[in-house]
N, C-alpha and C. Protein backbone atom coordinates (compact mmCIF):
# COMPACT_ATOMS: atom_id res chain seq x y z
N UNK A 1 -25.37 -13.36 -9.23
CA UNK A 1 -24.10 -13.99 -8.50
C UNK A 1 -22.78 -13.40 -9.18
N UNK A 2 -21.94 -13.10 -8.35
CA UNK A 2 -20.98 -12.26 -9.14
C UNK A 2 -19.80 -13.65 -9.19
N UNK A 3 -19.18 -13.41 -10.38
CA UNK A 3 -17.78 -14.37 -10.38
C UNK A 3 -16.59 -14.06 -9.79
N UNK A 4 -16.02 -15.13 -9.18
CA UNK A 4 -14.73 -14.79 -8.80
C UNK A 4 -13.84 -14.21 -9.47
N UNK A 5 -12.86 -13.31 -8.80
CA UNK A 5 -11.90 -12.25 -9.02
C UNK A 5 -10.82 -13.65 -9.68
N UNK A 6 -10.17 -13.07 -10.89
CA UNK A 6 -9.05 -13.84 -11.43
C UNK A 6 -7.89 -13.59 -10.51
N UNK A 7 -7.02 -14.53 -10.34
CA UNK A 7 -5.83 -14.32 -9.50
C UNK A 7 -4.69 -13.93 -10.52
N UNK A 8 -4.23 -12.98 -10.11
CA UNK A 8 -3.03 -11.96 -10.98
C UNK A 8 -1.66 -12.83 -10.40
N UNK A 9 -0.99 -12.40 -11.72
CA UNK A 9 0.50 -13.06 -11.66
C UNK A 9 1.69 -11.91 -11.33
N UNK A 10 1.06 -11.11 -10.16
CA UNK A 10 2.12 -10.41 -9.37
C UNK A 10 2.72 -10.94 -8.15
N UNK A 11 3.60 -10.30 -8.28
CA UNK A 11 4.78 -11.10 -7.39
C UNK A 11 5.21 -10.11 -6.21
N UNK A 12 5.06 -10.82 -4.79
CA UNK A 12 5.48 -10.09 -3.71
C UNK A 12 7.08 -9.72 -3.66
N UNK A 13 7.65 -8.63 -3.43
CA UNK A 13 8.97 -8.25 -3.23
C UNK A 13 9.44 -7.70 -1.84
N UNK A 14 10.33 -7.66 -1.61
CA UNK A 14 10.70 -6.89 -0.37
C UNK A 14 11.44 -5.76 -0.60
N UNK A 15 10.64 -4.64 -0.02
CA UNK A 15 11.52 -3.33 -0.22
C UNK A 15 11.79 -2.60 0.70
N UNK A 16 12.99 -1.67 0.80
CA UNK A 16 13.37 -1.07 2.27
C UNK A 16 12.17 -0.09 2.49
N UNK A 17 11.93 0.01 3.58
CA UNK A 17 10.69 0.99 4.09
C UNK A 17 11.43 2.08 3.70
N UNK A 18 12.30 2.67 4.09
CA UNK A 18 13.23 3.87 3.71
C UNK A 18 12.86 4.22 2.35
N UNK A 19 12.62 3.64 1.22
CA UNK A 19 12.41 3.98 0.09
C UNK A 19 10.95 4.31 -0.59
N UNK A 20 10.20 3.73 0.46
CA UNK A 20 8.78 4.09 0.05
C UNK A 20 8.26 5.54 0.35
N UNK A 21 7.40 6.19 -0.59
CA UNK A 21 6.95 7.38 -0.31
C UNK A 21 5.60 7.48 -0.17
N UNK A 22 5.11 7.77 0.65
CA UNK A 22 3.44 8.02 1.03
C UNK A 22 3.16 9.32 0.26
N UNK A 23 1.80 9.40 -0.13
CA UNK A 23 0.94 10.09 -0.57
C UNK A 23 -0.19 10.70 -0.27
N UNK A 24 -0.33 9.92 0.90
CA UNK A 24 -1.66 10.65 1.73
C UNK A 24 -1.36 10.48 3.28
N UNK A 25 -2.05 11.35 4.13
CA UNK A 25 -2.04 11.12 5.30
C UNK A 25 -2.89 10.28 6.04
N UNK A 26 -2.42 9.75 7.41
CA UNK A 26 -3.02 8.59 7.80
C UNK A 26 -4.14 8.75 9.25
N UNK A 27 -4.59 8.03 9.48
CA UNK A 27 -5.40 7.92 11.06
C UNK A 27 -4.39 7.35 11.99
N UNK A 28 -3.58 8.06 12.79
CA UNK A 28 -2.76 7.53 13.60
C UNK A 28 -3.24 6.32 14.60
N UNK A 29 -4.50 6.78 15.29
CA UNK A 29 -5.23 5.77 15.99
C UNK A 29 -5.38 4.49 15.48
N UNK A 30 -6.15 4.62 14.02
CA UNK A 30 -6.25 3.43 13.49
C UNK A 30 -4.81 2.39 13.28
N UNK A 31 -3.73 3.45 12.85
CA UNK A 31 -2.54 2.54 12.80
C UNK A 31 -1.94 1.95 13.81
N UNK A 32 -2.01 2.66 15.00
CA UNK A 32 -1.95 2.23 16.26
C UNK A 32 -2.44 0.84 16.80
N UNK A 33 -3.59 0.64 16.19
CA UNK A 33 -4.30 -0.57 16.32
C UNK A 33 -3.63 -1.61 15.59
N UNK A 34 -3.74 -1.33 14.63
CA UNK A 34 -2.83 -2.04 13.38
C UNK A 34 -1.54 -2.60 13.79
N UNK A 35 -0.65 -1.70 14.31
CA UNK A 35 0.67 -2.22 14.80
C UNK A 35 0.81 -3.27 15.90
N UNK A 36 -0.31 -3.24 16.85
CA UNK A 36 -0.76 -4.02 17.82
C UNK A 36 -1.00 -5.38 17.32
N UNK A 37 -2.39 -5.59 16.06
CA UNK A 37 -2.34 -6.66 15.81
C UNK A 37 -0.98 -7.41 14.98
N UNK A 38 -0.14 -6.68 13.82
CA UNK A 38 0.68 -7.17 13.37
C UNK A 38 1.61 -7.64 14.33
N UNK A 39 2.12 -6.97 15.61
CA UNK A 39 3.02 -7.39 16.72
C UNK A 39 2.54 -8.75 17.37
N UNK A 40 1.32 -9.01 17.48
CA UNK A 40 0.66 -10.12 18.17
C UNK A 40 0.62 -11.00 17.35
N UNK A 41 0.43 -10.98 15.74
CA UNK A 41 0.48 -12.32 14.83
C UNK A 41 2.04 -12.57 14.62
N UNK A 42 3.04 -11.45 14.82
CA UNK A 42 4.24 -11.67 14.58
C UNK A 42 4.55 -12.01 12.84
N UNK A 43 3.81 -11.89 12.18
CA UNK A 43 3.57 -11.86 10.76
C UNK A 43 3.31 -10.58 9.81
N UNK A 44 3.79 -10.33 8.84
CA UNK A 44 3.10 -9.62 7.78
C UNK A 44 2.51 -10.11 6.54
N UNK A 45 1.13 -9.78 6.56
CA UNK A 45 0.59 -10.84 5.67
C UNK A 45 -0.26 -10.06 4.82
N UNK A 46 -0.07 -8.79 4.46
CA UNK A 46 -0.77 -8.13 3.48
C UNK A 46 0.17 -7.18 2.86
N UNK A 47 0.97 -7.37 1.53
CA UNK A 47 1.75 -6.40 0.88
C UNK A 47 1.14 -5.01 0.63
N UNK A 48 2.00 -4.25 0.65
CA UNK A 48 1.99 -2.91 0.25
C UNK A 48 1.81 -2.63 -1.02
N UNK A 49 0.88 -1.94 -1.74
CA UNK A 49 0.89 -1.80 -3.30
C UNK A 49 1.78 -0.24 -3.44
N UNK A 50 2.66 -0.82 -4.45
CA UNK A 50 3.63 0.39 -4.61
C UNK A 50 3.65 0.78 -6.07
N UNK A 51 3.54 2.27 -6.31
CA UNK A 51 3.82 2.48 -7.74
C UNK A 51 5.40 2.16 -8.06
N UNK A 52 5.50 1.47 -9.31
CA UNK A 52 6.80 0.82 -9.69
C UNK A 52 8.04 2.07 -10.03
N UNK A 53 7.41 3.18 -10.36
CA UNK A 53 8.72 4.22 -11.02
C UNK A 53 9.29 5.06 -9.96
N UNK A 54 8.42 5.33 -9.14
CA UNK A 54 8.80 6.34 -7.93
C UNK A 54 8.71 5.90 -6.34
N UNK A 55 8.52 4.46 -6.29
CA UNK A 55 8.13 4.03 -5.01
C UNK A 55 7.10 4.45 -4.14
N UNK A 56 5.91 5.16 -4.94
CA UNK A 56 4.91 5.91 -4.00
C UNK A 56 4.11 4.73 -3.59
N UNK A 57 3.47 5.09 -2.56
CA UNK A 57 2.72 4.06 -1.80
C UNK A 57 1.30 4.13 -2.46
N UNK A 58 0.70 3.29 -3.13
CA UNK A 58 -0.81 3.10 -3.69
C UNK A 58 -1.92 2.95 -2.74
N UNK A 59 -1.36 1.76 -1.95
CA UNK A 59 -2.12 1.40 -1.02
C UNK A 59 -1.63 0.69 0.30
N UNK A 60 -1.79 1.14 1.24
CA UNK A 60 -0.77 0.58 2.51
C UNK A 60 -0.43 1.58 3.23
N UNK A 61 -0.77 2.88 3.24
CA UNK A 61 -0.23 3.97 4.23
C UNK A 61 0.12 3.74 5.74
N UNK A 62 -1.16 3.12 6.25
CA UNK A 62 -1.23 2.72 7.46
C UNK A 62 -0.10 1.14 7.91
N UNK A 63 0.03 0.69 7.04
CA UNK A 63 1.09 -0.39 6.99
C UNK A 63 2.37 0.07 6.66
N UNK A 64 2.58 1.13 6.10
CA UNK A 64 4.01 1.61 6.18
C UNK A 64 4.49 2.14 7.16
N UNK A 65 3.47 2.66 8.01
CA UNK A 65 3.67 3.65 9.30
C UNK A 65 3.87 2.47 10.22
N UNK A 66 3.12 1.27 10.19
CA UNK A 66 3.67 0.42 11.04
C UNK A 66 4.98 -0.33 10.91
N UNK A 67 5.30 -0.42 9.87
CA UNK A 67 6.69 -1.17 9.47
C UNK A 67 7.70 -0.10 10.22
N UNK A 68 7.60 1.16 10.04
CA UNK A 68 8.72 1.74 10.65
C UNK A 68 8.27 1.92 12.04
N UNK A 69 7.13 2.03 12.65
CA UNK A 69 7.21 2.05 14.23
C UNK A 69 7.65 0.55 14.59
N UNK A 70 7.50 -0.48 14.21
CA UNK A 70 8.00 -1.79 14.51
C UNK A 70 9.59 -1.77 14.28
N UNK A 71 10.21 -0.85 13.43
CA UNK A 71 11.60 -1.11 13.30
C UNK A 71 11.92 -1.76 12.03
N UNK A 72 10.92 -2.07 11.42
CA UNK A 72 11.40 -3.13 10.24
C UNK A 72 11.99 -2.38 9.22
N UNK A 73 13.09 -2.91 8.52
CA UNK A 73 13.98 -2.55 7.44
C UNK A 73 13.47 -2.53 6.02
N UNK A 74 12.64 -3.65 6.00
CA UNK A 74 12.11 -4.29 4.77
C UNK A 74 10.39 -4.64 5.12
N UNK A 75 9.78 -4.32 3.83
CA UNK A 75 8.22 -4.55 3.85
C UNK A 75 7.79 -5.49 2.94
N UNK A 76 6.99 -6.14 2.84
CA UNK A 76 6.62 -6.84 1.54
C UNK A 76 5.71 -5.99 0.54
N UNK A 77 5.97 -5.73 -0.75
CA UNK A 77 5.36 -4.67 -1.79
C UNK A 77 4.98 -5.65 -2.91
N UNK A 78 4.14 -4.97 -3.69
CA UNK A 78 3.70 -5.69 -4.93
C UNK A 78 3.78 -4.12 -5.71
N UNK A 79 4.63 -4.23 -6.78
CA UNK A 79 4.86 -3.06 -7.63
C UNK A 79 4.00 -3.00 -8.63
N UNK A 80 3.62 -1.94 -8.83
CA UNK A 80 2.35 -1.78 -9.93
C UNK A 80 2.53 -0.39 -10.53
N UNK A 81 1.92 -0.37 -12.09
CA UNK A 81 2.15 0.88 -12.79
C UNK A 81 0.82 1.59 -12.86
N UNK A 82 0.88 2.82 -12.77
CA UNK A 82 -0.70 3.21 -13.05
C UNK A 82 -1.44 3.09 -14.58
N UNK A 83 -0.38 2.52 -15.23
CA UNK A 83 -0.88 2.30 -16.51
C UNK A 83 -1.40 0.70 -16.38
N UNK A 84 -1.34 -0.14 -15.26
CA UNK A 84 -1.75 -1.58 -15.14
C UNK A 84 -3.25 -1.49 -15.60
N UNK A 85 -3.99 -2.27 -16.45
CA UNK A 85 -5.38 -1.90 -16.97
C UNK A 85 -6.10 -2.88 -15.68
N UNK A 86 -5.52 -3.50 -15.04
CA UNK A 86 -6.43 -3.96 -13.67
C UNK A 86 -6.52 -3.20 -12.38
N UNK A 87 -6.06 -2.15 -12.49
CA UNK A 87 -6.09 -1.01 -11.74
C UNK A 87 -7.20 0.31 -12.15
N UNK A 88 -8.03 0.55 -10.75
CA UNK A 88 -8.94 1.56 -11.04
C UNK A 88 -8.69 2.42 -9.83
N UNK A 89 -8.64 3.67 -9.88
CA UNK A 89 -8.21 4.72 -9.26
C UNK A 89 -9.24 5.95 -8.77
N UNK A 90 -9.91 5.68 -7.73
CA UNK A 90 -11.01 6.68 -7.87
C UNK A 90 -10.69 7.35 -6.46
N UNK A 91 -11.75 8.54 -6.32
CA UNK A 91 -11.83 9.14 -4.85
C UNK A 91 -12.49 8.25 -4.07
N UNK A 92 -12.27 8.40 -2.79
CA UNK A 92 -12.99 7.44 -1.80
C UNK A 92 -14.43 8.56 -1.94
N UNK A 93 -14.77 9.54 -1.79
CA UNK A 93 -15.52 10.17 -1.59
C UNK A 93 -16.48 10.19 -2.81
N UNK A 94 -16.02 10.04 -4.09
CA UNK A 94 -17.15 9.94 -5.47
C UNK A 94 -16.48 8.85 -6.28
N UNK A 95 -17.21 8.38 -7.20
CA UNK A 95 -16.46 7.66 -8.19
C UNK A 95 -15.62 8.13 -9.21
N UNK A 96 -15.33 9.15 -9.37
CA UNK A 96 -14.63 10.12 -10.15
C UNK A 96 -13.06 9.71 -10.28
N UNK A 97 -12.29 9.46 -11.45
CA UNK A 97 -11.10 9.22 -11.36
C UNK A 97 -10.15 10.14 -11.29
N UNK A 98 -9.20 9.84 -10.63
CA UNK A 98 -8.26 10.66 -9.89
C UNK A 98 -7.16 10.81 -11.17
N UNK A 99 -6.64 12.39 -10.91
CA UNK A 99 -5.63 12.53 -11.80
C UNK A 99 -4.41 11.94 -11.20
N UNK A 100 -3.68 10.95 -11.92
CA UNK A 100 -2.50 10.28 -11.22
C UNK A 100 -1.17 11.38 -10.97
N UNK A 101 -1.26 12.03 -11.82
CA UNK A 101 0.00 12.92 -11.60
C UNK A 101 -0.15 13.84 -10.30
N UNK A 102 -1.33 14.09 -9.63
CA UNK A 102 -1.55 14.80 -8.29
C UNK A 102 -0.72 13.68 -7.63
N UNK A 103 -1.30 12.48 -7.35
CA UNK A 103 -0.76 11.46 -6.53
C UNK A 103 0.80 11.18 -6.38
N UNK A 104 1.37 11.48 -7.71
CA UNK A 104 2.62 11.38 -7.82
C UNK A 104 3.58 12.49 -7.25
N UNK A 105 2.78 13.42 -7.84
CA UNK A 105 3.26 14.87 -6.80
C UNK A 105 3.45 14.98 -5.36
N UNK A 106 2.14 14.51 -5.14
CA UNK A 106 2.22 14.41 -3.46
C UNK A 106 3.08 13.26 -2.75
N UNK A 107 3.22 12.29 -3.57
CA UNK A 107 4.36 11.36 -2.97
C UNK A 107 5.75 11.86 -3.09
N UNK A 108 6.07 12.56 -4.34
CA UNK A 108 7.48 13.01 -4.60
C UNK A 108 7.88 14.38 -3.64
N UNK A 109 6.98 15.29 -3.32
CA UNK A 109 6.92 16.53 -2.87
C UNK A 109 6.77 16.43 -1.26
N UNK A 110 5.92 15.40 -0.77
CA UNK A 110 6.14 15.41 0.70
C UNK A 110 4.71 15.96 0.69
N UNK A 111 4.21 16.76 -0.04
CA UNK A 111 2.92 17.53 0.31
C UNK A 111 1.61 16.39 0.22
N UNK A 112 1.73 15.74 1.44
CA UNK A 112 0.38 14.66 1.35
C UNK A 112 -0.98 15.12 1.38
N UNK A 113 -1.64 14.32 0.33
CA UNK A 113 -3.19 14.31 0.36
C UNK A 113 -3.78 13.77 1.82
N UNK A 114 -4.91 14.48 1.86
CA UNK A 114 -5.88 13.96 3.26
C UNK A 114 -5.90 12.50 3.39
N UNK A 115 -6.10 11.91 4.49
CA UNK A 115 -6.40 10.42 4.82
C UNK A 115 -7.71 10.36 3.90
N UNK A 116 -7.71 8.97 3.41
CA UNK A 116 -8.46 8.62 2.62
C UNK A 116 -8.95 9.10 1.25
N UNK A 117 -8.22 9.79 0.68
CA UNK A 117 -8.37 10.93 -0.54
C UNK A 117 -8.66 9.83 -1.53
N UNK A 118 -7.70 9.07 -1.90
CA UNK A 118 -7.54 8.08 -3.03
C UNK A 118 -7.96 6.63 -2.63
N UNK A 119 -8.62 5.88 -3.83
CA UNK A 119 -8.79 4.28 -3.69
C UNK A 119 -8.31 3.89 -4.99
N UNK A 120 -7.51 2.83 -4.29
CA UNK A 120 -6.73 2.22 -5.33
C UNK A 120 -7.53 0.69 -5.49
N UNK A 121 -7.91 0.17 -6.60
CA UNK A 121 -8.88 -1.01 -6.62
C UNK A 121 -8.28 -1.71 -7.56
N UNK A 122 -8.02 -3.18 -7.51
CA UNK A 122 -7.47 -3.95 -8.30
C UNK A 122 -8.65 -5.14 -8.95
N UNK A 123 -8.93 -5.36 -10.24
CA UNK A 123 -10.05 -6.20 -10.49
C UNK A 123 -9.41 -7.72 -10.54
N UNK A 124 -8.46 -7.90 -9.79
CA UNK A 124 -7.93 -9.20 -9.66
C UNK A 124 -7.45 -9.48 -8.13
N UNK A 125 -7.22 -10.95 -7.72
CA UNK A 125 -6.85 -11.03 -6.40
C UNK A 125 -5.56 -11.00 -6.44
N UNK A 126 -4.62 -10.32 -5.59
CA UNK A 126 -3.48 -10.17 -5.34
C UNK A 126 -2.95 -11.33 -4.38
N UNK A 127 -1.65 -11.69 -4.62
CA UNK A 127 -1.24 -12.65 -3.56
C UNK A 127 -0.79 -12.26 -2.02
N UNK A 128 -0.99 -12.97 -1.27
CA UNK A 128 -0.82 -12.35 0.36
C UNK A 128 0.85 -13.23 0.58
N UNK A 129 0.89 -12.84 1.61
CA UNK A 129 2.06 -13.26 2.20
C UNK A 129 1.76 -13.81 3.46
N UNK A 130 3.32 -14.17 4.00
CA UNK A 130 3.29 -14.92 5.53
C UNK A 130 4.74 -15.08 5.97
N UNK A 131 5.15 -13.39 6.46
CA UNK A 131 6.45 -13.22 6.69
C UNK A 131 6.95 -13.02 7.80
N UNK A 132 7.61 -13.75 8.77
CA UNK A 132 7.92 -13.39 10.22
C UNK A 132 8.63 -11.97 10.27
N UNK A 133 8.00 -11.48 11.29
CA UNK A 133 8.60 -9.73 11.32
C UNK A 133 10.28 -9.90 11.53
N UNK A 134 10.87 -10.93 11.94
CA UNK A 134 12.22 -10.89 12.33
C UNK A 134 12.89 -11.05 11.09
N UNK A 135 12.10 -11.51 9.86
CA UNK A 135 12.84 -11.75 8.69
C UNK A 135 12.96 -10.41 8.08
N UNK A 136 11.89 -9.35 8.63
CA UNK A 136 11.96 -8.18 7.95
C UNK A 136 12.55 -6.91 8.43
N UNK A 137 13.32 -7.25 9.78
CA UNK A 137 14.17 -6.25 10.63
C UNK A 137 15.45 -5.88 9.85
């Protein structure tokens, strides 16, 4: 039996949607389904993981798309560093570690990697949130 993950001391912050930089393409059909779910609940419940130096999206590319489509000005995020010892970044296709500079380059250049190229996992439980969409507009 595995032990429960420790709860981390990360903080949810609101960042301008316009400052976030994607590094991967998305599945638009999947994102449109997510938009409907978020709109139906009227709340944002899962923060986007963002690299703290350049505001590159680590995890949450579909949610970022949703925020833009829903006309939100801000989105809940958790700022992380690629040096964070709780963070493990691999490829979805294999367990090999990703060269972080490739992610940074994709985010800064706009030359996005393919859908589901990288997988960002934390070995701690991150905080959730429940923020009304009107509070993010």
